[in-house]
């Protein structure tokens, strides 16, 4: 009799424990999917509209990190549940750790790319025009553009510029960053055929 009562109590405790874990799992699942999707949408939109370093470097890399990987993460709890057979809430907890690693990866990739573009080369300047703003300081430390001719400037900064008028001469406006509302240009201004000054100016975004 006592043995039967103990067995019944164990079954009751097990059912109660399973019920509690299911409720906990549903709460965790709802919280995770709501927050993760919200963060994903905000990050995707913000980085596109504000010309973030990853987006301006490679749209393929951007779409992999900000679209493909998040979708994979959303399906991970189902994968973990299918493989391990554990409660869905426990699988969501594992996925939370993966999503944190994803955020760290995004942060590390952004810092690494910014560090890479701190140094100027004519090749990088020509290829990654939206990241040129990071190279200006190093470029100006390597080259003193003041007094250079048109061809000397083009040999360093290339011919991918918008030409404007500056007094009785001209100016070369190099696009250096592109955000949603505004673009920034590095303007090289000439007088009597040589560079008189350089400056940063704003223009209308081309997005």
Protein backbone atom coordinates (compact mmCIF):
# COMPACT_ATOMS: atom_id res chain seq x y z
CA UNK A 1 0.00 0.00 0.00
CA UNK A 2 2.75 2.43 1.00
CA UNK A 3 4.73 1.46 -2.09
CA UNK A 4 1.72 2.22 -4.30
CA UNK A 5 1.26 5.62 -2.60
CA UNK A 6 4.93 6.49 -3.08
CA UNK A 7 4.74 5.51 -6.75
CA UNK A 8 1.60 7.61 -7.23
CA UNK A 9 3.27 10.59 -5.52
CA UNK A 10 6.35 10.26 -7.76
CA UNK A 11 4.16 10.17 -10.86
CA UNK A 12 2.27 13.21 -9.62
CA UNK A 13 5.52 15.10 -8.93
CA UNK A 14 6.86 14.16 -12.35
CA UNK A 15 3.69 15.37 -14.08
CA UNK A 16 3.77 18.60 -12.05
CA UNK A 17 7.45 19.13 -12.90
CA UNK A 18 6.82 18.50 -16.58
CA UNK A 19 3.90 20.92 -16.55
CA UNK A 20 6.00 23.61 -14.92
CA UNK A 21 8.81 23.09 -17.44
CA UNK A 22 6.34 23.33 -20.32
CA UNK A 23 4.92 26.60 -18.98
CA UNK A 24 8.43 27.94 -18.40
CA UNK A 25 9.40 26.85 -21.91
CA UNK A 26 6.46 28.67 -23.47
CA UNK A 27 7.30 31.87 -21.61
CA UNK A 28 10.98 31.65 -22.58
CA UNK A 29 10.08 30.83 -26.19
CA UNK A 30 7.69 33.77 -26.50
CA UNK A 31 10.23 36.13 -24.93
CA UNK A 32 13.10 34.92 -27.11
CA UNK A 33 11.29 35.06 -30.44
CA UNK A 34 9.76 38.47 -29.70
CA UNK A 35 13.05 40.08 -28.63
CA UNK A 36 15.19 38.36 -31.25
CA UNK A 37 12.92 39.28 -34.17
CA UNK A 38 12.64 42.86 -32.90
CA UNK A 39 16.43 43.20 -32.53
CA UNK A 40 16.96 41.63 -35.96
CA UNK A 41 14.57 44.05 -37.69
CA UNK A 42 16.10 47.07 -35.93
CA UNK A 43 19.67 46.03 -36.75
CA UNK A 44 18.86 45.21 -40.37
CA UNK A 45 17.06 48.51 -40.95
CA UNK A 46 19.51 50.68 -39.05
CA UNK A 47 22.60 49.29 -40.75
CA UNK A 48 21.05 49.72 -44.21
CA UNK A 49 19.80 53.26 -43.64
CA UNK A 50 22.93 54.53 -41.92
CA UNK A 51 25.56 52.96 -44.14
CA UNK A 52 27.10 50.71 -41.47
CA UNK A 53 30.61 49.43 -42.12
CA UNK A 54 29.57 45.84 -42.95
CA UNK A 55 26.86 46.96 -45.37
CA UNK A 56 29.14 49.45 -47.10
CA UNK A 57 31.94 46.88 -47.41
CA UNK A 58 30.02 43.93 -48.83
CA UNK A 59 26.28 43.56 -49.35
CA UNK A 60 26.73 39.77 -49.62
CA UNK A 61 28.48 39.62 -46.23
CA UNK A 62 25.82 41.93 -44.81
CA UNK A 63 22.95 39.75 -46.03
CA UNK A 64 24.63 36.60 -44.70
CA UNK A 65 25.23 38.09 -41.24
CA UNK A 66 22.01 40.08 -40.92
CA UNK A 67 19.49 37.93 -42.82
CA UNK A 68 20.65 34.33 -43.38
CA UNK A 69 22.21 33.72 -39.95
CA UNK A 70 19.22 35.15 -37.98
CA UNK A 71 16.81 32.92 -39.94
CA UNK A 72 18.99 29.89 -39.14
CA UNK A 73 19.03 30.89 -35.46
CA UNK A 74 15.22 31.08 -35.43
CA UNK A 75 15.06 27.43 -36.55
CA UNK A 76 17.75 26.18 -34.15
CA UNK A 77 15.38 25.33 -31.26
CA UNK A 78 13.49 22.94 -33.56
CA UNK A 79 16.79 21.38 -34.66
CA UNK A 80 18.03 20.98 -31.06
CA UNK A 81 14.65 19.56 -30.01
CA UNK A 82 14.69 17.06 -32.87
CA UNK A 83 18.23 15.92 -32.09
CA UNK A 84 18.13 15.81 -28.27
CA UNK A 85 14.42 15.31 -27.56
CA UNK A 86 14.69 17.75 -24.64
CA UNK A 87 12.02 20.23 -23.61
CA UNK A 88 11.59 22.99 -26.19
CA UNK A 89 12.33 25.63 -23.55
CA UNK A 90 15.74 24.08 -22.87
CA UNK A 91 16.47 24.13 -26.60
CA UNK A 92 15.53 27.82 -26.72
CA UNK A 93 18.00 28.50 -23.90
CA UNK A 94 20.77 26.92 -25.99
CA UNK A 95 19.71 29.06 -28.93
CA UNK A 96 19.95 32.19 -26.76
CA UNK A 97 23.62 31.42 -26.24
CA UNK A 98 24.06 31.09 -30.02
CA UNK A 99 22.28 34.41 -30.60
CA UNK A 100 24.60 36.14 -28.11
CA UNK A 101 27.57 34.70 -30.00
CA UNK A 102 26.04 36.11 -33.21
CA UNK A 103 25.82 39.60 -31.68
CA UNK A 104 29.45 39.35 -30.52
CA UNK A 105 30.41 38.29 -34.07
CA UNK A 106 28.66 41.35 -35.54
CA UNK A 107 30.40 43.65 -33.08
CA UNK A 108 33.80 42.04 -33.73
CA UNK A 109 33.35 42.16 -37.51
CA UNK A 110 32.46 45.86 -37.37
CA UNK A 111 35.50 46.69 -35.24
CA UNK A 112 37.79 44.61 -37.44
CA UNK A 113 36.61 46.27 -40.63
CA UNK A 114 36.93 49.73 -39.13
CA UNK A 115 40.50 48.93 -38.11
CA UNK A 116 41.25 47.62 -41.61
CA UNK A 117 40.01 50.78 -43.30
CA UNK A 118 41.99 53.10 -41.02
CA UNK A 119 44.92 52.75 -43.39
CA UNK A 120 44.85 54.35 -46.82
CA UNK A 121 45.88 52.83 -50.12
CA UNK A 122 44.77 54.06 -53.57
CA UNK A 123 43.32 50.60 -54.24
CA UNK A 124 41.13 50.58 -51.11
CA UNK A 125 40.09 54.18 -51.75
CA UNK A 126 38.98 53.28 -55.28
CA UNK A 127 37.17 50.07 -54.35
CA UNK A 128 35.43 50.95 -51.07
CA UNK A 129 34.10 54.44 -51.64
CA UNK A 130 31.56 54.32 -48.80
CA UNK A 131 34.36 53.59 -46.32
CA UNK A 132 36.65 56.37 -47.49
CA UNK A 133 35.77 58.54 -44.51
CA UNK A 134 37.82 56.16 -42.35
CA UNK A 135 40.89 56.56 -44.60
CA UNK A 136 41.03 60.36 -44.82
CA UNK A 137 43.22 60.90 -41.76
CA UNK A 138 45.80 58.35 -42.86
CA UNK A 139 45.69 59.59 -46.45
CA UNK A 140 46.40 63.17 -45.37
CA UNK A 141 49.26 61.95 -43.18
CA UNK A 142 50.83 60.24 -46.22
CA UNK A 143 50.17 62.92 -48.83
CA UNK A 144 50.13 66.70 -48.68
CA UNK A 145 47.62 67.50 -51.42
CA UNK A 146 48.08 71.25 -51.14
CA UNK A 147 49.93 72.47 -54.23
CA UNK A 148 49.31 69.33 -56.29
CA UNK A 149 48.01 69.48 -59.86
CA UNK A 150 44.88 67.79 -61.27
CA UNK A 151 46.81 64.77 -62.53
CA UNK A 152 48.78 64.36 -59.29
CA UNK A 153 45.55 64.28 -57.26
CA UNK A 154 43.97 61.81 -59.70
CA UNK A 155 47.04 59.56 -59.42
CA UNK A 156 46.40 59.28 -55.66
CA UNK A 157 42.60 59.50 -55.30
CA UNK A 158 41.51 58.33 -58.73
CA UNK A 159 39.06 59.76 -61.22
CA UNK A 160 35.85 58.57 -59.54
CA UNK A 161 34.68 62.03 -58.44
CA UNK A 162 32.03 64.64 -59.15
CA UNK A 163 33.51 67.79 -60.62
CA UNK A 164 32.27 71.18 -59.51
CA UNK A 165 33.25 74.81 -59.82
CA UNK A 166 35.40 76.56 -57.24
CA UNK A 167 35.89 80.24 -57.94
CA UNK A 168 37.42 80.50 -61.39
CA UNK A 169 38.78 76.95 -61.17
CA UNK A 170 37.29 73.57 -60.23
CA UNK A 171 36.88 71.10 -57.37
CA UNK A 172 36.95 67.30 -57.23
CA UNK A 173 34.28 65.91 -54.87
CA UNK A 174 34.98 62.32 -53.78
CA UNK A 175 32.10 60.43 -52.15
CA UNK A 176 33.36 59.14 -48.77
CA UNK A 177 30.17 57.90 -47.03
CA UNK A 178 26.52 57.38 -47.90
CA UNK A 179 23.75 57.43 -45.30
CA UNK A 180 19.99 57.50 -45.70
CA UNK A 181 19.54 61.27 -45.71
CA UNK A 182 22.97 62.64 -46.57
CA UNK A 183 26.17 61.77 -48.37
CA UNK A 184 29.57 63.12 -47.38
CA UNK A 185 32.20 64.21 -49.87
CA UNK A 186 35.89 64.94 -49.60
CA UNK A 187 36.33 68.08 -51.66
CA UNK A 188 39.68 68.91 -53.26
CA UNK A 189 39.59 72.57 -54.37
CA UNK A 190 41.89 74.07 -56.96
CA UNK A 191 43.11 77.57 -57.71
CA UNK A 192 45.28 78.35 -60.73
CA UNK A 193 45.57 74.63 -61.48
CA UNK A 194 46.85 73.49 -58.07
CA UNK A 195 45.13 72.42 -54.84
CA UNK A 196 44.34 75.35 -52.57
CA UNK A 197 42.36 73.53 -49.85
CA UNK A 198 40.52 70.34 -48.94
CA UNK A 199 37.40 69.91 -46.81
CA UNK A 200 34.45 67.65 -46.04
CA UNK A 201 31.05 68.67 -47.42
CA UNK A 202 27.53 67.24 -47.27
CA UNK A 203 25.26 66.47 -50.19
CA UNK A 204 22.01 64.68 -50.98
CA UNK A 205 22.08 60.93 -50.44
CA UNK A 206 22.09 58.75 -53.53
CA UNK A 207 20.16 55.93 -51.80
